[in-house]
Amino acid sequence: MHGGLLAIRANTDHAASMHQHGIAAIDLLVVNLYPFEATVAQGADFDTCIENIDIGGPAMIRAAAKNHGDVAVVVDAATMSACWRS
């Protein structure tokens, strides 16, 4: 997953590695983050709060942001909805 997000399209070494490993480029990342703050605010038990700590989402956002020239990132459903309407 991260290879498709981090690969710089104009970099021939990156392109060769992607081809060698069968990695497809990812141009758009849409992430729905876990509702950790809302879960805690609702008074959920400890285990539920821990389960709502998102690790993968922020890691993918960070990878995509490092490659902002090739990957667009959406983390807000309202933003995504507005994009589809325009």
Protein backbone atom coordinates (compact mmCIF):
# COMPACT_ATOMS: atom_id res chain seq x y z
CA MET A 1 0.00 0.00 0.00
CA HIS A 2 2.65 2.49 1.01
CA GLY A 3 4.72 1.78 -2.10
CA GLY A 4 1.81 2.92 -4.25
CA LEU A 5 1.47 6.08 -2.19
CA LEU A 6 5.15 6.97 -1.87
CA ALA A 7 6.34 6.20 -5.41
CA ILE A 8 7.27 9.35 -7.29
CA ARG A 9 5.92 8.85 -10.80
CA ALA A 10 8.74 10.74 -12.57
CA ASN A 11 11.46 8.78 -10.75
CA THR A 12 12.65 5.94 -12.99
CA ASP A 13 14.02 3.94 -10.04
CA HIS A 14 10.64 4.13 -8.32
CA ALA A 15 8.86 3.11 -11.53
CA ALA A 16 11.19 0.13 -11.99
CA SER A 17 10.68 -1.01 -8.38
CA MET A 18 6.92 -0.72 -8.75
CA HIS A 19 7.01 -2.78 -11.91
CA GLN A 20 9.31 -5.39 -10.36
CA HIS A 21 7.07 -5.84 -7.33
CA GLY A 22 3.72 -5.47 -9.08
CA ILE A 23 2.80 -2.30 -7.21
CA ALA A 24 0.15 -0.03 -8.72
CA ALA A 25 0.33 3.74 -8.28
CA ILE A 26 -2.28 5.30 -6.00
CA ASP A 27 -3.36 8.76 -7.12
CA LEU A 28 -6.18 9.42 -4.64
CA LEU A 29 -6.28 8.42 -0.98
CA VAL A 30 -9.61 8.70 0.84
CA VAL A 31 -9.35 7.92 4.55
CA ASN A 32 -12.14 7.69 7.10
CA LEU A 33 -10.33 8.00 10.41
CA TYR A 34 -11.56 6.18 13.51
CA PRO A 35 -13.61 8.47 15.82
CA PHE A 36 -11.23 8.29 18.79
CA GLU A 37 -12.12 11.67 20.33
CA ALA A 38 -15.86 11.05 19.99
CA THR A 39 -15.46 7.57 21.47
CA VAL A 40 -13.64 8.93 24.52
CA ALA A 41 -16.11 11.83 24.87
CA GLN A 42 -18.99 9.34 24.92
CA GLY A 43 -17.43 7.66 27.94
CA ALA A 44 -16.60 4.39 26.23
CA ASP A 45 -14.71 1.76 28.18
CA PHE A 46 -10.92 1.53 27.99
CA ASP A 47 -10.79 -1.34 25.48
CA THR A 48 -13.19 0.41 23.10
CA CYS A 49 -11.16 3.61 23.31
CA ILE A 50 -7.95 1.72 22.56
CA GLU A 51 -9.63 -0.02 19.61
CA ASN A 52 -10.50 3.41 18.19
CA ILE A 53 -6.91 4.64 18.04
CA ASP A 54 -6.25 4.81 14.32
CA ILE A 55 -2.75 3.78 13.28
CA GLY A 56 -3.06 2.84 9.61
CA GLY A 57 -5.06 5.89 8.52
CA PRO A 58 -2.58 8.51 9.74
CA ALA A 59 0.34 6.46 8.37
CA MET A 60 -1.26 6.39 4.91
CA ILE A 61 -2.06 10.13 5.08
CA ARG A 62 1.55 10.86 6.00
CA ALA A 63 2.86 8.72 3.13
CA ALA A 64 0.54 10.41 0.66
CA ALA A 65 1.41 13.86 1.96
CA LYS A 66 5.11 13.15 1.42
CA ASN A 67 4.20 12.53 -2.23
CA HIS A 68 1.77 15.43 -2.56
CA GLY A 69 2.82 16.07 -6.15
CA ASP A 70 1.39 12.71 -7.26
CA VAL A 71 -1.25 11.85 -4.65
CA ALA A 72 -4.34 13.75 -3.53
CA VAL A 73 -5.63 13.13 0.00
CA VAL A 74 -9.20 13.43 1.30
CA VAL A 75 -9.88 12.98 5.02
CA ASP A 76 -13.25 14.71 5.30
CA ALA A 77 -16.36 13.05 3.91
CA ALA A 78 -17.97 16.46 3.36
CA THR A 79 -15.03 17.48 1.19
CA MET A 80 -15.32 14.30 -0.85
CA SER A 81 -19.04 14.83 -1.27
CA ALA A 82 -18.44 18.39 -2.49
CA CYS A 83 -15.86 17.14 -5.01
CA TRP A 84 -18.32 14.67 -6.51
CA ARG A 85 -20.97 17.41 -6.92
CA SER A 86 -18.69 19.80 -8.81
